[in-house]
Every structure is written in C-alpha cells, then in structure tokens.
C-alpha atoms as a PDB file:
ATOM      1  CA  UNK A   1     -67.957   9.778 -24.096  1.00  0.00           C
ATOM      2  CA  UNK A   2     -66.962  11.730 -20.788  1.00  0.00           C
ATOM      3  CA  UNK A   3     -67.658  15.605 -20.528  1.00  0.00           C
ATOM      4  CA  UNK A   4     -65.297  17.630 -18.046  1.00  0.00           C
ATOM      5  CA  UNK A   5     -66.443  21.094 -16.913  1.00  0.00           C
ATOM      6  CA  UNK A   6     -63.962  23.296 -15.031  1.00  0.00           C
ATOM      7  CA  UNK A   7     -65.183  25.741 -12.128  1.00  0.00           C
ATOM      8  CA  UNK A   8     -63.934  28.068  -9.142  1.00  0.00           C
ATOM      9  CA  UNK A   9     -61.178  29.639 -10.992  1.00  0.00           C
ATOM     10  CA  UNK A  10     -61.084  33.744 -10.641  1.00  0.00           C
ATOM     11  CA  UNK A  11     -58.738  36.383  -9.873  1.00  0.00           C
ATOM     12  CA  UNK A  12     -57.033  36.202  -6.187  1.00  0.00           C
ATOM     13  CA  UNK A  13     -54.192  38.065  -4.261  1.00  0.00           C
ATOM     14  CA  UNK A  14     -50.801  36.435  -3.979  1.00  0.00           C
ATOM     15  CA  UNK A  15     -50.912  34.485  -1.243  1.00  0.00           C
ATOM     16  CA  UNK A  16     -54.679  33.643  -1.238  1.00  0.00           C
ATOM     17  CA  UNK A  17     -56.451  30.696  -2.326  1.00  0.00           C
ATOM     18  CA  UNK A  18     -58.697  28.930  -4.719  1.00  0.00           C
ATOM     19  CA  UNK A  19     -60.601  25.633  -5.348  1.00  0.00           C
ATOM     20  CA  UNK A  20     -60.957  24.266  -8.382  1.00  0.00           C
ATOM     21  CA  UNK A  21     -63.661  21.707  -9.474  1.00  0.00           C
ATOM     22  CA  UNK A  22     -63.723  19.034 -11.822  1.00  0.00           C
ATOM     23  CA  UNK A  23     -67.418  17.608 -12.980  1.00  0.00           C
ATOM     24  CA  UNK A  24     -68.142  15.021 -15.292  1.00  0.00           C
ATOM     25  CA  UNK A  25     -71.309  14.467 -16.977  1.00  0.00           C
ATOM     26  CA  UNK A  26     -71.072  10.900 -16.324  1.00  0.00           C
ATOM     27  CA  UNK A  27     -71.442   8.926 -13.534  1.00  0.00           C
ATOM     28  CA  UNK A  28     -68.409   6.932 -14.086  1.00  0.00           C
ATOM     29  CA  UNK A  29     -65.519   9.784 -13.561  1.00  0.00           C
ATOM     30  CA  UNK A  30     -65.083   7.587 -10.182  1.00  0.00           C
ATOM     31  CA  UNK A  31     -63.411   4.768 -12.776  1.00  0.00           C
ATOM     32  CA  UNK A  32     -61.041   7.115 -14.137  1.00  0.00           C
ATOM     33  CA  UNK A  33     -57.864   8.660 -12.942  1.00  0.00           C
ATOM     34  CA  UNK A  34     -58.121  12.386 -13.187  1.00  0.00           C
ATOM     35  CA  UNK A  35     -55.202  15.049 -13.834  1.00  0.00           C
ATOM     36  CA  UNK A  36     -55.233  18.694 -13.589  1.00  0.00           C
ATOM     37  CA  UNK A  37     -53.076  20.786 -16.218  1.00  0.00           C
ATOM     38  CA  UNK A  38     -52.309  24.241 -16.835  1.00  0.00           C
ATOM     39  CA  UNK A  39     -50.994  26.698 -19.344  1.00  0.00           C
ATOM     40  CA  UNK A  40     -49.667  29.787 -19.434  1.00  0.00           C
ATOM     41  CA  UNK A  41     -49.776  32.427 -22.064  1.00  0.00           C
ATOM     42  CA  UNK A  42     -46.550  31.769 -24.421  1.00  0.00           C
ATOM     43  CA  UNK A  43     -45.785  28.633 -22.624  1.00  0.00           C
ATOM     44  CA  UNK A  44     -46.659  25.063 -23.095  1.00  0.00           C
ATOM     45  CA  UNK A  45     -49.207  22.821 -21.358  1.00  0.00           C
ATOM     46  CA  UNK A  46     -47.457  21.657 -17.893  1.00  0.00           C
ATOM     47  CA  UNK A  47     -48.901  18.779 -15.930  1.00  0.00           C
ATOM     48  CA  UNK A  48     -49.996  19.979 -12.270  1.00  0.00           C
ATOM     49  CA  UNK A  49     -51.503  17.172 -10.318  1.00  0.00           C
ATOM     50  CA  UNK A  50     -53.173  13.761 -10.806  1.00  0.00           C
ATOM     51  CA  UNK A  51     -55.548  11.616  -8.487  1.00  0.00           C
ATOM     52  CA  UNK A  52     -55.884   7.751  -9.534  1.00  0.00           C
ATOM     53  CA  UNK A  53     -59.200   6.241  -9.542  1.00  0.00           C
ATOM     54  CA  UNK A  54     -58.880   3.231  -7.156  1.00  0.00           C
ATOM     55  CA  UNK A  55     -56.399   4.061  -4.079  1.00  0.00           C
ATOM     56  CA  UNK A  56     -56.691   7.563  -4.904  1.00  0.00           C
ATOM     57  CA  UNK A  57     -52.536   8.117  -4.924  1.00  0.00           C
ATOM     58  CA  UNK A  58     -51.480  11.309  -6.074  1.00  0.00           C
ATOM     59  CA  UNK A  59     -48.485  13.043  -7.770  1.00  0.00           C
ATOM     60  CA  UNK A  60     -47.770  16.826  -8.148  1.00  0.00           C
ATOM     61  CA  UNK A  61     -45.529  19.015 -10.029  1.00  0.00           C
ATOM     62  CA  UNK A  62     -42.426  20.278  -7.853  1.00  0.00           C
ATOM     63  CA  UNK A  63     -43.862  23.560  -8.499  1.00  0.00           C
ATOM     64  CA  UNK A  64     -47.348  22.822  -6.393  1.00  0.00           C
ATOM     65  CA  UNK A  65     -46.116  20.345  -4.179  1.00  0.00           C
ATOM     66  CA  UNK A  66     -46.973  21.698  -0.454  1.00  0.00           C
ATOM     67  CA  UNK A  67     -49.326  24.143  -1.649  1.00  0.00           C
ATOM     68  CA  UNK A  68     -52.126  22.307  -3.950  1.00  0.00           C
ATOM     69  CA  UNK A  69     -53.900  19.697  -2.818  1.00  0.00           C
ATOM     70  CA  UNK A  70     -55.792  17.059  -5.303  1.00  0.00           C
ATOM     71  CA  UNK A  71     -59.003  14.974  -3.936  1.00  0.00           C
ATOM     72  CA  UNK A  72     -61.827  13.123  -5.466  1.00  0.00           C
ATOM     73  CA  UNK A  73     -65.260  12.353  -3.942  1.00  0.00           C
ATOM     74  CA  UNK A  74     -66.482   9.432  -6.188  1.00  0.00           C
ATOM     75  CA  UNK A  75     -70.238   9.704  -4.749  1.00  0.00           C
ATOM     76  CA  UNK A  76     -70.397  13.155  -6.134  1.00  0.00           C
ATOM     77  CA  UNK A  77     -68.587  12.462  -9.687  1.00  0.00           C
ATOM     78  CA  UNK A  78     -66.532  15.493  -8.562  1.00  0.00           C
ATOM     79  CA  UNK A  79     -62.682  15.996  -8.473  1.00  0.00           C
ATOM     80  CA  UNK A  80     -61.015  18.803  -7.101  1.00  0.00           C
ATOM     81  CA  UNK A  81     -57.561  21.198  -6.931  1.00  0.00           C
ATOM     82  CA  UNK A  82     -57.559  23.313  -3.593  1.00  0.00           C
ATOM     83  CA  UNK A  83     -54.972  26.095  -4.461  1.00  0.00           C
ATOM     84  CA  UNK A  84     -52.880  27.492  -1.464  1.00  0.00           C
ATOM     85  CA  UNK A  85     -50.241  30.049  -1.089  1.00  0.00           C
ATOM     86  CA  UNK A  86     -50.877  31.249  -4.734  1.00  0.00           C
ATOM     87  CA  UNK A  87     -48.221  32.923  -6.678  1.00  0.00           C
ATOM     88  CA  UNK A  88     -48.141  35.447  -9.621  1.00  0.00           C
ATOM     89  CA  UNK A  89     -46.745  32.464 -12.034  1.00  0.00           C
ATOM     90  CA  UNK A  90     -49.435  29.755 -10.761  1.00  0.00           C
ATOM     91  CA  UNK A  91     -51.570  32.143 -13.403  1.00  0.00           C
ATOM     92  CA  UNK A  92     -53.039  30.103 -16.199  1.00  0.00           C
ATOM     93  CA  UNK A  93     -55.787  28.706 -17.642  1.00  0.00           C
ATOM     94  CA  UNK A  94     -56.388  25.664 -15.754  1.00  0.00           C
ATOM     95  CA  UNK A  95     -57.654  22.438 -17.457  1.00  0.00           C
ATOM     96  CA  UNK A  96     -58.791  19.007 -15.677  1.00  0.00           C
ATOM     97  CA  UNK A  97     -58.197  15.801 -17.671  1.00  0.00           C
ATOM     98  CA  UNK A  98     -59.356  11.725 -17.309  1.00  0.00           C
ATOM     99  CA  UNK A  99     -58.826   8.929 -18.779  1.00  0.00           C
ATOM    100  CA  UNK A 100     -55.210   8.950 -18.676  1.00  0.00           C
ATOM    101  CA  UNK A 101     -52.723   7.211 -15.956  1.00  0.00           C
ATOM    102  CA  UNK A 102     -51.439   8.706 -12.643  1.00  0.00           C
ATOM    103  CA  UNK A 103     -48.661   7.411 -12.512  1.00  0.00           C
ATOM    104  CA  UNK A 104     -45.354   8.171 -10.176  1.00  0.00           C
ATOM    105  CA  UNK A 105     -42.875  10.418 -11.303  1.00  0.00           C
ATOM    106  CA  UNK A 106     -43.229  13.253 -14.029  1.00  0.00           C
ATOM    107  CA  UNK A 107     -43.953  10.572 -16.774  1.00  0.00           C
ATOM    108  CA  UNK A 108     -47.872  11.008 -15.868  1.00  0.00           C
ATOM    109  CA  UNK A 109     -48.445  14.191 -17.427  1.00  0.00           C
ATOM    110  CA  UNK A 110     -47.434  12.792 -21.248  1.00  0.00           C
ATOM    111  CA  UNK A 111     -50.323  11.100 -21.299  1.00  0.00           C
ATOM    112  CA  UNK A 112     -52.483  10.448 -23.120  1.00  0.00           C
ATOM    113  CA  UNK A 113     -55.212  11.767 -21.523  1.00  0.00           C
ATOM    114  CA  UNK A 114     -58.708  10.868 -23.355  1.00  0.00           C
ATOM    115  CA  UNK A 115     -60.921  13.503 -22.043  1.00  0.00           C
ATOM    116  CA  UNK A 116     -60.602  17.351 -21.696  1.00  0.00           C
ATOM    117  CA  UNK A 117     -62.337  20.381 -20.012  1.00  0.00           C
ATOM    118  CA  UNK A 118     -63.023  23.499 -21.643  1.00  0.00           C
ATOM    119  CA  UNK A 119     -60.415  25.217 -18.995  1.00  0.00           C
ATOM    120  CA  UNK A 120     -61.246  27.832 -16.911  1.00  0.00           C
ATOM    121  CA  UNK A 121     -58.529  30.958 -16.186  1.00  0.00           C
ATOM    122  CA  UNK A 122     -56.827  31.469 -12.561  1.00  0.00           C
ATOM    123  CA  UNK A 123     -55.303  34.982 -12.414  1.00  0.00           C
ATOM    124  CA  UNK A 124     -52.833  35.350  -9.387  1.00  0.00           C
ATOM    125  CA  UNK A 125     -52.558  39.603  -9.148  1.00  0.00           C
ATOM    126  CA  UNK A 126     -52.429  42.249  -6.348  1.00  0.00           C
END
C-alpha cells in the first residue's frame, strides 16, 4: 500500500507560480509512474501530467504544455509539479496518483491508477 500526500497548493495571482509536491509513505515510489490530475468545480477530473518510473519520460495535457513541468527525485521519494504562468482556469483540486502507466498520448489519464492522494487546492485569482 502506498499513501500519497500532496503539498504546496494555495492562492496565487494570475501569471504566478507554484510547486506542488507529492510525497509517498513507502520508499518504493521510485518504482511507480506518477500522474498529476485536477478537478475543477462542476468539471470532470482531467489528467495534467505524468512521469514514468524508469527513464523519467513525461507527458502533458495540451492545456499545460510549456507552463507545467513534472519531475521526480527518487532518492527523496518525491514527485513535483512546477506550475508557471498560472491562469484562473488552472484553479482546481490537484491530485497525485501512482501505480498507473505514463503512456504517450492522452490515454494515460484513463488509468487505472491504483493509489491516490487526498488532493490539494490551487486557486489562481487576483
């Protein structure tokens, strides 16, 4: 069982930056691909980005390409989502997930993803 905890969310002005962190309870996070998802009020959950376990291959939703960067530090058992040039439409609860597959193309977000964090609020507003 892998427990995931997100941190780093909050309120930021449009154009600002935030870095989300995903920490795992087990030291085996490095073996798992990790995905970032978000859900805005009244909208379906969408995949934002993912990173593979071995080569660190990444994938991004079109809406965040060029603005968000996913990375991982397996020695620290952490995965990060650096978010820049934030827009009001990025406002959502962000979740990290592990145990899925970070495939190429948008299908990676369909999962299944086995382990989920509790989510953290990101609000982009002036």
